[in-house]
Amino acid sequence: DYSIELSDTKLILQDLLLIPSTTLSDRRIVRRIVELVGIRSARLTACGVVALLNQMNKLDGCTVAVDNFINDYPHFINRMRDAIHELLGSFSENVNLIHTKDGSSVGTSIIASMVNE
């Protein structure tokens, strides 16, 4: 919410959380908390990606597909990139994050087709 009065935040607090009255200060606090949760989420996701890359010994180059739902969160990919850079240093340049549509469905289909019955 980038509006001066944080009007979208106000609507969410009123309509979804049934909080009838909020001050601008209240809304700024909520916005900051939501921002911090988003940063933490991106950093934890980056930790999982880096752990898998280390385990697979793929620090020399790898493409990681990022599903559509993650891409919908503002700044998520950039925050992931920053965290990956903090964890891998110069090796982070070898990690390419790409956006994919319906990546979870495609991945599940590929795994299901590989299972021998």
PDB file of N, CA and C in Angstrom:
ATOM      1  N   ASP A   1       0.851  -1.169   0.000  1.00  0.00           N
ATOM      2  CA  ASP A   1       0.000   0.000   0.000  1.00  0.00           C
ATOM      3  C   ASP A   1       0.897   1.232   0.000  1.00  0.00           C
ATOM      4  N   TYR A   2       0.937   1.936  -1.125  1.00  0.00           N
ATOM      5  CA  TYR A   2       1.804   3.095  -1.254  1.00  0.00           C
ATOM      6  C   TYR A   2       1.034   4.418  -1.190  1.00  0.00           C
ATOM      7  N   SER A   3      -0.254   4.356  -0.855  1.00  0.00           N
ATOM      8  CA  SER A   3      -1.020   5.594  -0.745  1.00  0.00           C
ATOM      9  C   SER A   3      -0.609   6.345   0.524  1.00  0.00           C
ATOM     10  N   ILE A   4      -0.782   7.639   0.508  1.00  0.00           N
ATOM     11  CA  ILE A   4      -0.367   8.478   1.636  1.00  0.00           C
ATOM     12  C   ILE A   4      -1.100   8.086   2.923  1.00  0.00           C
ATOM     13  N   GLU A   5      -2.374   7.823   2.806  1.00  0.00           N
ATOM     14  CA  GLU A   5      -3.190   7.475   3.979  1.00  0.00           C
ATOM     15  C   GLU A   5      -3.260   5.965   4.241  1.00  0.00           C
ATOM     16  N   LEU A   6      -2.559   5.177   3.418  1.00  0.00           N
ATOM     17  CA  LEU A   6      -2.605   3.710   3.515  1.00  0.00           C
ATOM     18  C   LEU A   6      -4.051   3.212   3.489  1.00  0.00           C
ATOM     19  N   SER A   7      -4.771   3.682   2.490  1.00  0.00           N
ATOM     20  CA  SER A   7      -6.211   3.404   2.386  1.00  0.00           C
ATOM     21  C   SER A   7      -6.505   1.924   2.133  1.00  0.00           C
ATOM     22  N   ASP A   8      -5.665   1.231   1.370  1.00  0.00           N
ATOM     23  CA  ASP A   8      -5.886  -0.207   1.158  1.00  0.00           C
ATOM     24  C   ASP A   8      -5.729  -0.973   2.462  1.00  0.00           C
ATOM     25  N   THR A   9      -4.745  -0.590   3.235  1.00  0.00           N
ATOM     26  CA  THR A   9      -4.528  -1.221   4.547  1.00  0.00           C
ATOM     27  C   THR A   9      -5.724  -0.968   5.454  1.00  0.00           C
ATOM     28  N   LYS A  10      -6.235   0.246   5.405  1.00  0.00           N
ATOM     29  CA  LYS A  10      -7.406   0.596   6.209  1.00  0.00           C
ATOM     30  C   LYS A  10      -8.600  -0.277   5.831  1.00  0.00           C
ATOM     31  N   LEU A  11      -8.821  -0.456   4.533  1.00  0.00           N
ATOM     32  CA  LEU A  11      -9.935  -1.292   4.077  1.00  0.00           C
ATOM     33  C   LEU A  11      -9.780  -2.734   4.530  1.00  0.00           C
ATOM     34  N   ILE A  12      -8.591  -3.251   4.430  1.00  0.00           N
ATOM     35  CA  ILE A  12      -8.354  -4.641   4.856  1.00  0.00           C
ATOM     36  C   ILE A  12      -8.605  -4.786   6.353  1.00  0.00           C
ATOM     37  N   LEU A  13      -8.103  -3.846   7.127  1.00  0.00           N
ATOM     38  CA  LEU A  13      -8.319  -3.904   8.574  1.00  0.00           C
ATOM     39  C   LEU A  13      -9.807  -3.799   8.925  1.00  0.00           C
ATOM     40  N   GLN A  14     -10.522  -2.963   8.192  1.00  0.00           N
ATOM     41  CA  GLN A  14     -11.955  -2.795   8.465  1.00  0.00           C
ATOM     42  C   GLN A  14     -12.778  -3.978   7.976  1.00  0.00           C
ATOM     43  N   ASP A  15     -12.571  -4.368   6.722  1.00  0.00           N
ATOM     44  CA  ASP A  15     -13.437  -5.373   6.102  1.00  0.00           C
ATOM     45  C   ASP A  15     -13.086  -6.811   6.492  1.00  0.00           C
ATOM     46  N   LEU A  16     -11.815  -7.127   6.539  1.00  0.00           N
ATOM     47  CA  LEU A  16     -11.423  -8.512   6.825  1.00  0.00           C
ATOM     48  C   LEU A  16     -11.232  -8.780   8.314  1.00  0.00           C
ATOM     49  N   LEU A  17     -10.647  -7.826   9.008  1.00  0.00           N
ATOM     50  CA  LEU A  17     -10.359  -8.037  10.431  1.00  0.00           C
ATOM     51  C   LEU A  17     -11.378  -7.377  11.350  1.00  0.00           C
ATOM     52  N   LEU A  18     -12.341  -6.661  10.731  1.00  0.00           N
ATOM     53  CA  LEU A  18     -13.434  -6.032  11.474  1.00  0.00           C
ATOM     54  C   LEU A  18     -12.936  -5.061  12.545  1.00  0.00           C
ATOM     55  N   ILE A  19     -11.888  -4.324  12.218  1.00  0.00           N
ATOM     56  CA  ILE A  19     -11.388  -3.273  13.102  1.00  0.00           C
ATOM     57  C   ILE A  19     -11.968  -1.960  12.577  1.00  0.00           C
ATOM     58  N   PRO A  20     -12.930  -1.393  13.286  1.00  0.00           N
ATOM     59  CA  PRO A  20     -13.690  -0.272  12.734  1.00  0.00           C
ATOM     60  C   PRO A  20     -12.918   1.032  12.569  1.00  0.00           C
ATOM     61  N   SER A  21     -11.936   1.273  13.424  1.00  0.00           N
ATOM     62  CA  SER A  21     -11.256   2.556  13.372  1.00  0.00           C
ATOM     63  C   SER A  21      -9.749   2.351  13.573  1.00  0.00           C
ATOM     64  N   THR A  22      -8.962   2.923  12.664  1.00  0.00           N
ATOM     65  CA  THR A  22      -7.506   2.841  12.786  1.00  0.00           C
ATOM     66  C   THR A  22      -6.900   4.211  12.507  1.00  0.00           C
ATOM     67  N   THR A  23      -5.794   4.460  13.141  1.00  0.00           N
ATOM     68  CA  THR A  23      -5.070   5.702  12.876  1.00  0.00           C
ATOM     69  C   THR A  23      -4.027   5.433  11.790  1.00  0.00           C
ATOM     70  N   LEU A  24      -3.496   6.487  11.248  1.00  0.00           N
ATOM     71  CA  LEU A  24      -2.431   6.344  10.256  1.00  0.00           C
ATOM     72  C   LEU A  24      -1.230   5.635  10.875  1.00  0.00           C
ATOM     73  N   SER A  25      -0.953   5.926  12.111  1.00  0.00           N
ATOM     74  CA  SER A  25       0.144   5.265  12.827  1.00  0.00           C
ATOM     75  C   SER A  25      -0.104   3.753  12.926  1.00  0.00           C
ATOM     76  N   ASP A  26      -1.331   3.364  13.231  1.00  0.00           N
ATOM     77  CA  ASP A  26      -1.692   1.938  13.277  1.00  0.00           C
ATOM     78  C   ASP A  26      -1.416   1.276  11.929  1.00  0.00           C
ATOM     79  N   ARG A  27      -1.857   1.941  10.880  1.00  0.00           N
ATOM     80  CA  ARG A  27      -1.703   1.375   9.538  1.00  0.00           C
ATOM     81  C   ARG A  27      -0.231   1.291   9.129  1.00  0.00           C
ATOM     82  N   ARG A  28       0.564   2.259   9.552  1.00  0.00           N
ATOM     83  CA  ARG A  28       2.005   2.203   9.257  1.00  0.00           C
ATOM     84  C   ARG A  28       2.659   1.018   9.961  1.00  0.00           C
ATOM     85  N   ILE A  29       2.243   0.760  11.183  1.00  0.00           N
ATOM     86  CA  ILE A  29       2.774  -0.393  11.925  1.00  0.00           C
ATOM     87  C   ILE A  29       2.399  -1.689  11.218  1.00  0.00           C
ATOM     88  N   VAL A  30       1.136  -1.806  10.807  1.00  0.00           N
ATOM     89  CA  VAL A  30       0.685  -3.011  10.096  1.00  0.00           C
ATOM     90  C   VAL A  30       1.467  -3.182   8.803  1.00  0.00           C
ATOM     91  N   ARG A  31       1.631  -2.099   8.067  1.00  0.00           N
ATOM     92  CA  ARG A  31       2.388  -2.177   6.803  1.00  0.00           C
ATOM     93  C   ARG A  31       3.808  -2.660   7.052  1.00  0.00           C
ATOM     94  N   ARG A  32       4.461  -2.142   8.086  1.00  0.00           N
ATOM     95  CA  ARG A  32       5.844  -2.542   8.391  1.00  0.00           C
ATOM     96  C   ARG A  32       5.916  -4.011   8.802  1.00  0.00           C
ATOM     97  N   ILE A  33       4.955  -4.466   9.584  1.00  0.00           N
ATOM     98  CA  ILE A  33       4.930  -5.874   9.992  1.00  0.00           C
ATOM     99  C   ILE A  33       4.774  -6.769   8.766  1.00  0.00           C
ATOM    100  N   VAL A  34       3.857  -6.406   7.889  1.00  0.00           N
ATOM    101  CA  VAL A  34       3.649  -7.194   6.668  1.00  0.00           C
ATOM    102  C   VAL A  34       4.916  -7.195   5.816  1.00  0.00           C
ATOM    103  N   GLU A  35       5.585  -6.057   5.733  1.00  0.00           N
ATOM    104  CA  GLU A  35       6.843  -5.974   4.978  1.00  0.00           C
ATOM    105  C   GLU A  35       7.902  -6.893   5.587  1.00  0.00           C
ATOM    106  N   LEU A  36       8.026  -6.886   6.907  1.00  0.00           N
ATOM    107  CA  LEU A  36       9.014  -7.733   7.574  1.00  0.00           C
ATOM    108  C   LEU A  36       8.718  -9.217   7.392  1.00  0.00           C
ATOM    109  N   VAL A  37       7.441  -9.566   7.429  1.00  0.00           N
ATOM    110  CA  VAL A  37       7.059 -10.966   7.189  1.00  0.00           C
ATOM    111  C   VAL A  37       7.427 -11.374   5.758  1.00  0.00           C
ATOM    112  N   GLY A  38       7.196 -10.479   4.799  1.00  0.00           N
ATOM    113  CA  GLY A  38       7.561 -10.757   3.415  1.00  0.00           C
ATOM    114  C   GLY A  38       9.061 -10.927   3.237  1.00  0.00           C
ATOM    115  N   ILE A  39       9.845 -10.080   3.904  1.00  0.00           N
ATOM    116  CA  ILE A  39      11.308 -10.190   3.832  1.00  0.00           C
ATOM    117  C   ILE A  39      11.758 -11.517   4.426  1.00  0.00           C
ATOM    118  N   ARG A  40      11.216 -11.863   5.573  1.00  0.00           N
ATOM    119  CA  ARG A  40      11.591 -13.128   6.222  1.00  0.00           C
ATOM    120  C   ARG A  40      11.224 -14.317   5.339  1.00  0.00           C
ATOM    121  N   SER A  41      10.068 -14.262   4.736  1.00  0.00           N
ATOM    122  CA  SER A  41       9.627 -15.346   3.860  1.00  0.00           C
ATOM    123  C   SER A  41      10.579 -15.523   2.680  1.00  0.00           C
ATOM    124  N   ALA A  42      10.964 -14.429   2.054  1.00  0.00           N
ATOM    125  CA  ALA A  42      11.890 -14.500   0.916  1.00  0.00           C
ATOM    126  C   ALA A  42      13.243 -15.039   1.357  1.00  0.00           C
ATOM    127  N   ARG A  43      13.707 -14.638   2.527  1.00  0.00           N
ATOM    128  CA  ARG A  43      15.002 -15.096   3.026  1.00  0.00           C
ATOM    129  C   ARG A  43      14.960 -16.585   3.368  1.00  0.00           C
ATOM    130  N   LEU A  44      13.873 -17.040   3.975  1.00  0.00           N
ATOM    131  CA  LEU A  44      13.750 -18.466   4.283  1.00  0.00           C
ATOM    132  C   LEU A  44      13.666 -19.302   3.003  1.00  0.00           C
ATOM    133  N   THR A  45      12.957 -18.792   2.013  1.00  0.00           N
ATOM    134  CA  THR A  45      12.882 -19.475   0.728  1.00  0.00           C
ATOM    135  C   THR A  45      14.265 -19.569   0.101  1.00  0.00           C
ATOM    136  N   ALA A  46      15.021 -18.478   0.162  1.00  0.00           N
ATOM    137  CA  ALA A  46      16.386 -18.462  -0.376  1.00  0.00           C
ATOM    138  C   ALA A  46      17.263 -19.473   0.360  1.00  0.00           C
ATOM    139  N   CYS A  47      17.084 -19.603   1.667  1.00  0.00           N
ATOM    140  CA  CYS A  47      17.857 -20.591   2.438  1.00  0.00           C
ATOM    141  C   CYS A  47      17.582 -22.005   1.936  1.00  0.00           C
ATOM    142  N   GLY A  48      16.317 -22.297   1.662  1.00  0.00           N
ATOM    143  CA  GLY A  48      15.970 -23.612   1.131  1.00  0.00           C
ATOM    144  C   GLY A  48      16.590 -23.856  -0.227  1.00  0.00           C
ATOM    145  N   VAL A  49      16.559 -22.854  -1.087  1.00  0.00           N
ATOM    146  CA  VAL A  49      17.155 -22.978  -2.419  1.00  0.00           C
ATOM    147  C   VAL A  49      18.657 -23.214  -2.308  1.00  0.00           C
ATOM    148  N   VAL A  50      19.333 -22.424  -1.476  1.00  0.00           N
ATOM    149  CA  VAL A  50      20.780 -22.559  -1.312  1.00  0.00           C
ATOM    150  C   VAL A  50      21.133 -23.917  -0.714  1.00  0.00           C
ATOM    151  N   ALA A  51      20.349 -24.392   0.244  1.00  0.00           N
ATOM    152  CA  ALA A  51      20.596 -25.713   0.831  1.00  0.00           C
ATOM    153  C   ALA A  51      20.510 -26.802  -0.234  1.00  0.00           C
ATOM    154  N   LEU A  52      19.494 -26.712  -1.087  1.00  0.00           N
ATOM    155  CA  LEU A  52      19.366 -27.702  -2.166  1.00  0.00           C
ATOM    156  C   LEU A  52      20.520 -27.606  -3.162  1.00  0.00           C
ATOM    157  N   LEU A  53      20.918 -26.392  -3.509  1.00  0.00           N
ATOM    158  CA  LEU A  53      22.040 -26.221  -4.441  1.00  0.00           C
ATOM    159  C   LEU A  53      23.327 -26.788  -3.858  1.00  0.00           C
ATOM    160  N   ASN A  54      23.550 -26.561  -2.569  1.00  0.00           N
ATOM    161  CA  ASN A  54      24.730 -27.136  -1.908  1.00  0.00           C
ATOM    162  C   ASN A  54      24.673 -28.659  -1.905  1.00  0.00           C
ATOM    163  N   GLN A  55      23.521 -29.200  -1.555  1.00  0.00           N
ATOM    164  CA  GLN A  55      23.358 -30.652  -1.494  1.00  0.00           C
ATOM    165  C   GLN A  55      23.551 -31.293  -2.864  1.00  0.00           C
ATOM    166  N   MET A  56      23.075 -30.624  -3.909  1.00  0.00           N
ATOM    167  CA  MET A  56      23.186 -31.163  -5.267  1.00  0.00           C
ATOM    168  C   MET A  56      24.514 -30.781  -5.924  1.00  0.00           C
ATOM    169  N   ASN A  57      25.329 -29.997  -5.213  1.00  0.00           N
ATOM    170  CA  ASN A  57      26.612 -29.534  -5.741  1.00  0.00           C
ATOM    171  C   ASN A  57      26.425 -28.793  -7.071  1.00  0.00           C
ATOM    172  N   LYS A  58      25.514 -27.836  -7.074  1.00  0.00           N
ATOM    173  CA  LYS A  58      25.172 -27.086  -8.290  1.00  0.00           C
ATOM    174  C   LYS A  58      25.568 -25.615  -8.196  1.00  0.00           C
ATOM    175  N   LEU A  59      26.619 -25.316  -7.449  1.00  0.00           N
ATOM    176  CA  LEU A  59      27.020 -23.921  -7.301  1.00  0.00           C
ATOM    177  C   LEU A  59      27.689 -23.358  -8.540  1.00  0.00           C
ATOM    178  N   ASP A  60      28.011 -24.232  -9.497  1.00  0.00           N
ATOM    179  CA  ASP A  60      28.655 -23.771 -10.732  1.00  0.00           C
ATOM    180  C   ASP A  60      27.642 -23.247 -11.747  1.00  0.00           C
ATOM    181  N   GLY A  61      26.369 -23.426 -11.491  1.00  0.00           N
ATOM    182  CA  GLY A  61      25.351 -22.908 -12.393  1.00  0.00           C
ATOM    183  C   GLY A  61      24.055 -23.669 -12.274  1.00  0.00           C
ATOM    184  N   CYS A  62      22.977 -22.926 -12.128  1.00  0.00           N
ATOM    185  CA  CYS A  62      21.679 -23.575 -11.962  1.00  0.00           C
ATOM    186  C   CYS A  62      20.575 -22.560 -12.244  1.00  0.00           C
ATOM    187  N   THR A  63      19.485 -23.045 -12.801  1.00  0.00           N
ATOM    188  CA  THR A  63      18.299 -22.216 -12.996  1.00  0.00           C
ATOM    189  C   THR A  63      17.226 -22.715 -12.041  1.00  0.00           C
ATOM    190  N   VAL A  64      16.639 -21.787 -11.313  1.00  0.00           N
ATOM    191  CA  VAL A  64      15.593 -22.115 -10.353  1.00  0.00           C
ATOM    192  C   VAL A  64      14.296 -21.475 -10.843  1.00  0.00           C
ATOM    193  N   ALA A  65      13.291 -22.301 -11.050  1.00  0.00           N
ATOM    194  CA  ALA A  65      11.993 -21.801 -11.495  1.00  0.00           C
ATOM    195  C   ALA A  65      11.196 -21.303 -10.287  1.00  0.00           C
ATOM    196  N   VAL A  66      10.684 -20.099 -10.387  1.00  0.00           N
ATOM    197  CA  VAL A  66       9.887 -19.504  -9.324  1.00  0.00           C
ATOM    198  C   VAL A  66       8.440 -19.474  -9.789  1.00  0.00           C
ATOM    199  N   ASP A  67       7.589 -20.112  -9.026  1.00  0.00           N
ATOM    200  CA  ASP A  67       6.189 -20.265  -9.410  1.00  0.00           C
ATOM    201  C   ASP A  67       5.454 -18.927  -9.394  1.00  0.00           C
ATOM    202  N   ASN A  68       4.366 -18.891 -10.098  1.00  0.00           N
ATOM    203  CA  ASN A  68       3.561 -17.685 -10.284  1.00  0.00           C
ATOM    204  C   ASN A  68       3.117 -17.053  -8.969  1.00  0.00           C
ATOM    205  N   PHE A  69       2.718 -17.870  -7.988  1.00  0.00           N
ATOM    206  CA  PHE A  69       2.185 -17.293  -6.758  1.00  0.00           C
ATOM    207  C   PHE A  69       3.254 -16.509  -5.993  1.00  0.00           C
ATOM    208  N   ILE A  70       4.497 -16.934  -6.041  1.00  0.00           N
ATOM    209  CA  ILE A  70       5.579 -16.194  -5.382  1.00  0.00           C
ATOM    210  C   ILE A  70       5.844 -14.893  -6.124  1.00  0.00           C
ATOM    211  N   ASN A  71       5.809 -14.947  -7.426  1.00  0.00           N
ATOM    212  CA  ASN A  71       6.091 -13.769  -8.236  1.00  0.00           C
ATOM    213  C   ASN A  71       5.063 -12.657  -8.017  1.00  0.00           C
ATOM    214  N   ASP A  72       3.884 -13.008  -7.510  1.00  0.00           N
ATOM    215  CA  ASP A  72       2.836 -12.017  -7.281  1.00  0.00           C
ATOM    216  C   ASP A  72       3.109 -11.120  -6.072  1.00  0.00           C
ATOM    217  N   TYR A  73       4.013 -11.540  -5.192  1.00  0.00           N
ATOM    218  CA  TYR A  73       4.329 -10.733  -4.015  1.00  0.00           C
ATOM    219  C   TYR A  73       5.376  -9.686  -4.375  1.00  0.00           C
ATOM    220  N   PRO A  74       5.092  -8.421  -4.100  1.00  0.00           N
ATOM    221  CA  PRO A  74       6.028  -7.354  -4.468  1.00  0.00           C
ATOM    222  C   PRO A  74       7.406  -7.554  -3.838  1.00  0.00           C
ATOM    223  N   HIS A  75       8.421  -7.416  -4.641  1.00  0.00           N
ATOM    224  CA  HIS A  75       9.822  -7.448  -4.204  1.00  0.00           C
ATOM    225  C   HIS A  75      10.325  -8.833  -3.771  1.00  0.00           C
ATOM    226  N   PHE A  76       9.491  -9.867  -3.833  1.00  0.00           N
ATOM    227  CA  PHE A  76       9.882 -11.175  -3.313  1.00  0.00           C
ATOM    228  C   PHE A  76      11.114 -11.718  -4.030  1.00  0.00           C
ATOM    229  N   ILE A  77      11.110 -11.681  -5.355  1.00  0.00           N
ATOM    230  CA  ILE A  77      12.229 -12.221  -6.121  1.00  0.00           C
ATOM    231  C   ILE A  77      13.515 -11.450  -5.818  1.00  0.00           C
ATOM    232  N   ASN A  78      13.430 -10.124  -5.764  1.00  0.00           N
ATOM    233  CA  ASN A  78      14.627  -9.332  -5.457  1.00  0.00           C
ATOM    234  C   ASN A  78      15.145  -9.626  -4.058  1.00  0.00           C
ATOM    235  N   ARG A  79      14.251  -9.811  -3.117  1.00  0.00           N
ATOM    236  CA  ARG A  79      14.669 -10.147  -1.753  1.00  0.00           C
ATOM    237  C   ARG A  79      15.305 -11.540  -1.715  1.00  0.00           C
ATOM    238  N   MET A  80      14.768 -12.453  -2.506  1.00  0.00           N
ATOM    239  CA  MET A  80      15.387 -13.780  -2.605  1.00  0.00           C
ATOM    240  C   MET A  80      16.794 -13.670  -3.178  1.00  0.00           C
ATOM    241  N   ARG A  81      16.930 -12.899  -4.253  1.00  0.00           N
ATOM    242  CA  ARG A  81      18.249 -12.715  -4.876  1.00  0.00           C
ATOM    243  C   ARG A  81      19.254 -12.129  -3.884  1.00  0.00           C
ATOM    244  N   ASP A  82      18.816 -11.138  -3.124  1.00  0.00           N
ATOM    245  CA  ASP A  82      19.697 -10.523  -2.125  1.00  0.00           C
ATOM    246  C   ASP A  82      20.150 -11.552  -1.092  1.00  0.00           C
ATOM    247  N   ALA A  83      19.223 -12.363  -0.616  1.00  0.00           N
ATOM    248  CA  ALA A  83      19.564 -13.370   0.390  1.00  0.00           C
ATOM    249  C   ALA A  83      20.484 -14.441  -0.193  1.00  0.00           C
ATOM    250  N   ILE A  84      20.224 -14.854  -1.426  1.00  0.00           N
ATOM    251  CA  ILE A  84      21.092 -15.836  -2.075  1.00  0.00           C
ATOM    252  C   ILE A  84      22.499 -15.269  -2.221  1.00  0.00           C
ATOM    253  N   HIS A  85      22.583 -13.988  -2.564  1.00  0.00           N
ATOM    254  CA  HIS A  85      23.894 -13.345  -2.677  1.00  0.00           C
ATOM    255  C   HIS A  85      24.614 -13.308  -1.317  1.00  0.00           C
ATOM    256  N   GLU A  86      23.873 -13.018  -0.251  1.00  0.00           N
ATOM    257  CA  GLU A  86      24.473 -13.015   1.086  1.00  0.00           C
ATOM    258  C   GLU A  86      25.009 -14.394   1.450  1.00  0.00           C
ATOM    259  N   LEU A  87      24.295 -15.433   1.051  1.00  0.00           N
ATOM    260  CA  LEU A  87      24.689 -16.793   1.422  1.00  0.00           C
ATOM    261  C   LEU A  87      25.784 -17.365   0.529  1.00  0.00           C
ATOM    262  N   LEU A  88      25.756 -17.020  -0.751  1.00  0.00           N
ATOM    263  CA  LEU A  88      26.691 -17.636  -1.696  1.00  0.00           C
ATOM    264  C   LEU A  88      27.798 -16.701  -2.172  1.00  0.00           C
ATOM    265  N   GLY A  89      27.672 -15.431  -1.898  1.00  0.00           N
ATOM    266  CA  GLY A  89      28.680 -14.485  -2.376  1.00  0.00           C
ATOM    267  C   GLY A  89      28.716 -14.468  -3.895  1.00  0.00           C
ATOM    268  N   SER A  90      29.914 -14.547  -4.456  1.00  0.00           N
ATOM    269  CA  SER A  90      30.059 -14.460  -5.913  1.00  0.00           C
ATOM    270  C   SER A  90      29.418 -15.644  -6.647  1.00  0.00           C
ATOM    271  N   PHE A  91      29.232 -16.771  -5.959  1.00  0.00           N
ATOM    272  CA  PHE A  91      28.575 -17.915  -6.598  1.00  0.00           C
ATOM    273  C   PHE A  91      27.108 -17.622  -6.922  1.00  0.00           C
ATOM    274  N   SER A  92      26.537 -16.595  -6.281  1.00  0.00           N
ATOM    275  CA  SER A  92      25.126 -16.271  -6.529  1.00  0.00           C
ATOM    276  C   SER A  92      24.901 -15.841  -7.975  1.00  0.00           C
ATOM    277  N   GLU A  93      25.941 -15.374  -8.640  1.00  0.00           N
ATOM    278  CA  GLU A  93      25.814 -14.985 -10.048  1.00  0.00           C
ATOM    279  C   GLU A  93      25.510 -16.184 -10.935  1.00  0.00           C
ATOM    280  N   ASN A  94      25.791 -17.387 -10.439  1.00  0.00           N
ATOM    281  CA  ASN A  94      25.531 -18.617 -11.192  1.00  0.00           C
ATOM    282  C   ASN A  94      24.105 -19.137 -11.005  1.00  0.00           C
ATOM    283  N   VAL A  95      23.349 -18.497 -10.126  1.00  0.00           N
ATOM    284  CA  VAL A  95      21.976 -18.929  -9.846  1.00  0.00           C
ATOM    285  C   VAL A  95      21.026 -17.997 -10.589  1.00  0.00           C
ATOM    286  N   ASN A  96      20.263 -18.572 -11.501  1.00  0.00           N
ATOM    287  CA  ASN A  96      19.327 -17.816 -12.316  1.00  0.00           C
ATOM    288  C   ASN A  96      17.903 -18.120 -11.844  1.00  0.00           C
ATOM    289  N   LEU A  97      17.206 -17.104 -11.344  1.00  0.00           N
ATOM    290  CA  LEU A  97      15.808 -17.264 -10.941  1.00  0.00           C
ATOM    291  C   LEU A  97      14.922 -16.854 -12.098  1.00  0.00           C
ATOM    292  N   ILE A  98      14.042 -17.756 -12.508  1.00  0.00           N
ATOM    293  CA  ILE A  98      13.130 -17.444 -13.602  1.00  0.00           C
ATOM    294  C   ILE A  98      11.687 -17.643 -13.149  1.00  0.00           C
ATOM    295  N   HIS A  99      10.793 -16.874 -13.730  1.00  0.00           N
ATOM    296  CA  HIS A  99       9.373 -16.968 -13.441  1.00  0.00           C
ATOM    297  C   HIS A  99       8.744 -18.034 -14.327  1.00  0.00           C
ATOM    298  N   THR A 100       7.958 -18.905 -13.723  1.00  0.00           N
ATOM    299  CA  THR A 100       7.221 -19.906 -14.501  1.00  0.00           C
ATOM    300  C   THR A 100       5.752 -19.863 -14.096  1.00  0.00           C
ATOM    301  N   LYS A 101       4.914 -20.082 -15.060  1.00  0.00           N
ATOM    302  CA  LYS A 101       3.488 -20.139 -14.784  1.00  0.00           C
ATOM    303  C   LYS A 101       3.113 -21.596 -14.537  1.00  0.00           C
ATOM    304  N   ASP A 102       2.387 -21.846 -13.478  1.00  0.00           N
ATOM    305  CA  ASP A 102       1.919 -23.187 -13.116  1.00  0.00           C
ATOM    306  C   ASP A 102       3.069 -24.169 -12.937  1.00  0.00           C
ATOM    307  N   GLY A 103       4.167 -23.685 -12.382  1.00  0.00           N
ATOM    308  CA  GLY A 103       5.343 -24.527 -12.176  1.00  0.00           C
ATOM    309  C   GLY A 103       5.081 -25.718 -11.267  1.00  0.00           C
ATOM    310  N   SER A 104       4.268 -25.534 -10.232  1.00  0.00           N
ATOM    311  CA  SER A 104       3.973 -26.637  -9.319  1.00  0.00           C
ATOM    312  C   SER A 104       3.243 -27.761 -10.037  1.00  0.00           C
ATOM    313  N   SER A 105       2.296 -27.407 -10.877  1.00  0.00           N
ATOM    314  CA  SER A 105       1.543 -28.418 -11.618  1.00  0.00           C
ATOM    315  C   SER A 105       2.435 -29.160 -12.601  1.00  0.00           C
ATOM    316  N   VAL A 106       3.301 -28.420 -13.283  1.00  0.00           N
ATOM    317  CA  VAL A 106       4.204 -29.043 -14.244  1.00  0.00           C
ATOM    318  C   VAL A 106       5.178 -29.964 -13.526  1.00  0.00           C
ATOM    319  N   GLY A 107       5.757 -29.499 -12.415  1.00  0.00           N
ATOM    320  CA  GLY A 107       6.691 -30.317 -11.650  1.00  0.00           C
ATOM    321  C   GLY A 107       6.042 -31.590 -11.127  1.00  0.00           C
ATOM    322  N   THR A 108       4.837 -31.471 -10.630  1.00  0.00           N
ATOM    323  CA  THR A 108       4.111 -32.633 -10.137  1.00  0.00           C
ATOM    324  C   THR A 108       3.840 -33.616 -11.266  1.00  0.00           C
ATOM    325  N   SER A 109       3.499 -33.120 -12.429  1.00  0.00           N
ATOM    326  CA  SER A 109       3.253 -33.988 -13.588  1.00  0.00           C
ATOM    327  C   SER A 109       4.511 -34.727 -14.000  1.00  0.00           C
ATOM    328  N   ILE A 110       5.630 -34.028 -13.999  1.00  0.00           N
ATOM    329  CA  ILE A 110       6.893 -34.671 -14.378  1.00  0.00           C
ATOM    330  C   ILE A 110       7.253 -35.768 -13.382  1.00  0.00           C
ATOM    331  N   ILE A 111       7.138 -35.471 -12.102  1.00  0.00           N
ATOM    332  CA  ILE A 111       7.449 -36.478 -11.077  1.00  0.00           C
ATOM    333  C   ILE A 111       6.512 -37.676 -11.187  1.00  0.00           C
ATOM    334  N   ALA A 112       5.228 -37.410 -11.400  1.00  0.00           N
ATOM    335  CA  ALA A 112       4.251 -38.501 -11.517  1.00  0.00           C
ATOM    336  C   ALA A 112       4.569 -39.377 -12.731  1.00  0.00           C
ATOM    337  N   SER A 113       5.037 -38.779 -13.810  1.00  0.00           N
ATOM    338  CA  SER A 113       5.339 -39.569 -15.004  1.00  0.00           C
ATOM    339  C   SER A 113       6.598 -40.418 -14.824  1.00  0.00           C
ATOM    340  N   MET A 114       7.443 -40.058 -13.869  1.00  0.00           N
ATOM    341  CA  MET A 114       8.689 -40.782 -13.636  1.00  0.00           C
ATOM    342  C   MET A 114       8.518 -41.959 -12.673  1.00  0.00           C
ATOM    343  N   VAL A 115       7.409 -42.011 -11.974  1.00  0.00           N
ATOM    344  CA  VAL A 115       7.178 -43.054 -10.972  1.00  0.00           C
ATOM    345  C   VAL A 115       6.843 -44.366 -11.687  1.00  0.00           C
ATOM    346  N   ASN A 116       7.562 -45.401 -11.317  1.00  0.00           N
ATOM    347  CA  ASN A 116       7.267 -46.734 -11.878  1.00  0.00           C
ATOM    348  C   ASN A 116       6.268 -47.437 -10.987  1.00  0.00           C
ATOM    349  N   GLU A 117       5.241 -47.954 -11.590  1.00  0.00           N
ATOM    350  CA  GLU A 117       4.230 -48.666 -10.805  1.00  0.00           C
ATOM    351  C   GLU A 117       4.463 -50.151 -10.874  1.00  0.00           C
TER     352      GLU A 117
END
